[in-house]
Amino acid sequence: MRLGSAAAGLTVWSGALLSSLCCLLPLAVIVLGLGSGAFMAVTIRRRHGVLP
């Protein structure tokens, strides 16, 4: 394998990774947000008749 083709492959893979971040980062935020909301719903004690 030549050095030029290895560098080209690395450039292509890094470009693909960077371009996929626009879709993956918002999905990760949504998943983490929903996960923390479910965690809070389970762990926070609710008192009936008292406003939060």
N, C-alpha and C. Protein backbone atom coordinates (compact mmCIF):
# COMPACT_ATOMS: atom_id res chain seq x y z
N MET A 1 0.85 -1.17 0.00
CA MET A 1 0.00 0.00 0.00
C MET A 1 0.89 1.23 0.00
N ARG A 2 0.54 2.16 -0.84
CA ARG A 2 1.33 3.39 -0.89
C ARG A 2 0.89 4.34 0.19
N LEU A 3 1.80 5.25 0.53
CA LEU A 3 1.52 6.23 1.58
C LEU A 3 0.39 7.17 1.16
N GLY A 4 0.35 7.52 -0.12
CA GLY A 4 -0.69 8.43 -0.61
C GLY A 4 -2.08 7.85 -0.49
N SER A 5 -2.23 6.57 -0.78
CA SER A 5 -3.55 5.96 -0.70
C SER A 5 -3.98 5.78 0.76
N ALA A 6 -3.03 5.54 1.66
CA ALA A 6 -3.38 5.44 3.08
C ALA A 6 -3.83 6.80 3.62
N ALA A 7 -3.15 7.85 3.21
CA ALA A 7 -3.54 9.20 3.64
C ALA A 7 -4.90 9.57 3.07
N ALA A 8 -5.17 9.18 1.83
CA ALA A 8 -6.47 9.47 1.22
C ALA A 8 -7.58 8.72 1.96
N GLY A 9 -7.32 7.48 2.32
CA GLY A 9 -8.31 6.71 3.07
C GLY A 9 -8.59 7.32 4.44
N LEU A 10 -7.54 7.76 5.10
CA LEU A 10 -7.70 8.40 6.41
C LEU A 10 -8.49 9.70 6.28
N THR A 11 -8.23 10.45 5.24
CA THR A 11 -8.96 11.69 5.01
C THR A 11 -10.43 11.43 4.75
N VAL A 12 -10.72 10.41 3.97
CA VAL A 12 -12.12 10.07 3.66
C VAL A 12 -12.85 9.64 4.93
N TRP A 13 -12.24 8.79 5.73
CA TRP A 13 -12.87 8.31 6.95
C TRP A 13 -13.08 9.44 7.97
N SER A 14 -12.11 10.31 8.09
CA SER A 14 -12.28 11.43 9.02
C SER A 14 -13.36 12.39 8.54
N GLY A 15 -13.46 12.60 7.24
CA GLY A 15 -14.53 13.44 6.69
C GLY A 15 -15.90 12.82 6.91
N ALA A 16 -16.00 11.52 6.73
CA ALA A 16 -17.27 10.84 6.96
C ALA A 16 -17.67 10.92 8.43
N LEU A 17 -16.71 10.77 9.32
CA LEU A 17 -16.99 10.85 10.75
C LEU A 17 -17.46 12.25 11.13
N LEU A 18 -16.77 13.27 10.63
CA LEU A 18 -17.15 14.65 10.95
C LEU A 18 -18.52 15.00 10.38
N SER A 19 -18.83 14.52 9.19
CA SER A 19 -20.12 14.85 8.61
C SER A 19 -21.26 14.10 9.29
N SER A 20 -20.99 12.97 9.90
CA SER A 20 -22.05 12.24 10.60
C SER A 20 -22.35 12.83 11.98
N LEU A 21 -21.47 13.68 12.49
CA LEU A 21 -21.70 14.27 13.80
C LEU A 21 -22.93 15.18 13.83
N CYS A 22 -23.30 15.75 12.71
CA CYS A 22 -24.47 16.62 12.68
C CYS A 22 -25.74 15.84 12.98
N CYS A 23 -25.73 14.55 12.72
CA CYS A 23 -26.90 13.72 13.01
C CYS A 23 -26.75 12.99 14.34
N LEU A 24 -25.55 12.57 14.67
CA LEU A 24 -25.35 11.75 15.87
C LEU A 24 -25.37 12.56 17.15
N LEU A 25 -24.84 13.77 17.15
CA LEU A 25 -24.82 14.57 18.37
C LEU A 25 -26.22 14.96 18.86
N PRO A 26 -27.12 15.43 18.00
CA PRO A 26 -28.48 15.71 18.49
C PRO A 26 -29.19 14.46 18.99
N LEU A 27 -28.96 13.33 18.33
CA LEU A 27 -29.57 12.09 18.80
C LEU A 27 -29.04 11.70 20.17
N ALA A 28 -27.76 11.91 20.39
CA ALA A 28 -27.18 11.60 21.70
C ALA A 28 -27.76 12.51 22.78
N VAL A 29 -27.98 13.77 22.47
CA VAL A 29 -28.56 14.71 23.43
C VAL A 29 -30.00 14.30 23.75
N ILE A 30 -30.74 13.90 22.74
CA ILE A 30 -32.13 13.47 22.96
C ILE A 30 -32.16 12.22 23.83
N VAL A 31 -31.30 11.27 23.53
CA VAL A 31 -31.28 10.03 24.31
C VAL A 31 -30.88 10.31 25.75
N LEU A 32 -29.88 11.15 25.95
CA LEU A 32 -29.46 11.48 27.31
C LEU A 32 -30.54 12.28 28.04
N GLY A 33 -31.22 13.16 27.34
CA GLY A 33 -32.28 13.94 27.96
C GLY A 33 -33.45 13.07 28.39
N LEU A 34 -33.84 12.16 27.53
CA LEU A 34 -34.94 11.28 27.88
C LEU A 34 -34.53 10.34 29.01
N GLY A 35 -33.28 9.90 28.99
CA GLY A 35 -32.81 9.01 30.04
C GLY A 35 -32.78 9.70 31.39
N SER A 36 -32.33 10.95 31.44
CA SER A 36 -32.27 11.65 32.71
C SER A 36 -33.67 12.01 33.19
N GLY A 37 -34.60 12.28 32.27
CA GLY A 37 -35.97 12.55 32.67
C GLY A 37 -36.63 11.33 33.31
N ALA A 38 -36.38 10.16 32.73
CA ALA A 38 -36.92 8.93 33.31
C ALA A 38 -36.28 8.66 34.67
N PHE A 39 -35.00 8.95 34.80
CA PHE A 39 -34.31 8.75 36.08
C PHE A 39 -34.90 9.65 37.14
N MET A 40 -35.15 10.91 36.78
CA MET A 40 -35.72 11.85 37.75
C MET A 40 -37.14 11.46 38.12
N ALA A 41 -37.91 10.95 37.16
CA ALA A 41 -39.28 10.55 37.45
C ALA A 41 -39.32 9.40 38.44
N VAL A 42 -38.32 8.54 38.39
CA VAL A 42 -38.29 7.40 39.30
C VAL A 42 -37.75 7.79 40.67
N THR A 43 -36.76 8.67 40.72
CA THR A 43 -36.07 8.93 41.98
C THR A 43 -36.64 10.07 42.81
N ILE A 44 -37.35 11.01 42.21
CA ILE A 44 -37.88 12.14 42.97
C ILE A 44 -39.17 11.73 43.65
N ARG A 45 -39.24 12.02 44.94
CA ARG A 45 -40.45 11.71 45.69
C ARG A 45 -41.50 12.78 45.40
N ARG A 46 -42.72 12.32 45.21
CA ARG A 46 -43.82 13.25 44.96
C ARG A 46 -44.67 13.34 46.20
N ARG A 47 -44.97 14.56 46.58
CA ARG A 47 -45.87 14.78 47.72
C ARG A 47 -47.22 15.24 47.18
N HIS A 48 -48.24 14.54 47.54
CA HIS A 48 -49.58 14.90 47.05
C HIS A 48 -50.10 16.12 47.80
N GLY A 49 -50.67 17.03 47.06
CA GLY A 49 -51.23 18.23 47.67
C GLY A 49 -50.23 19.36 47.82
N VAL A 50 -48.97 19.15 47.47
CA VAL A 50 -47.94 20.19 47.60
C VAL A 50 -47.43 20.50 46.21
N LEU A 51 -47.44 21.75 45.86
CA LEU A 51 -46.91 22.14 44.56
C LEU A 51 -45.39 22.06 44.57
N PRO A 52 -44.80 21.66 43.48
CA PRO A 52 -43.33 21.56 43.45
C PRO A 52 -42.64 22.89 43.52
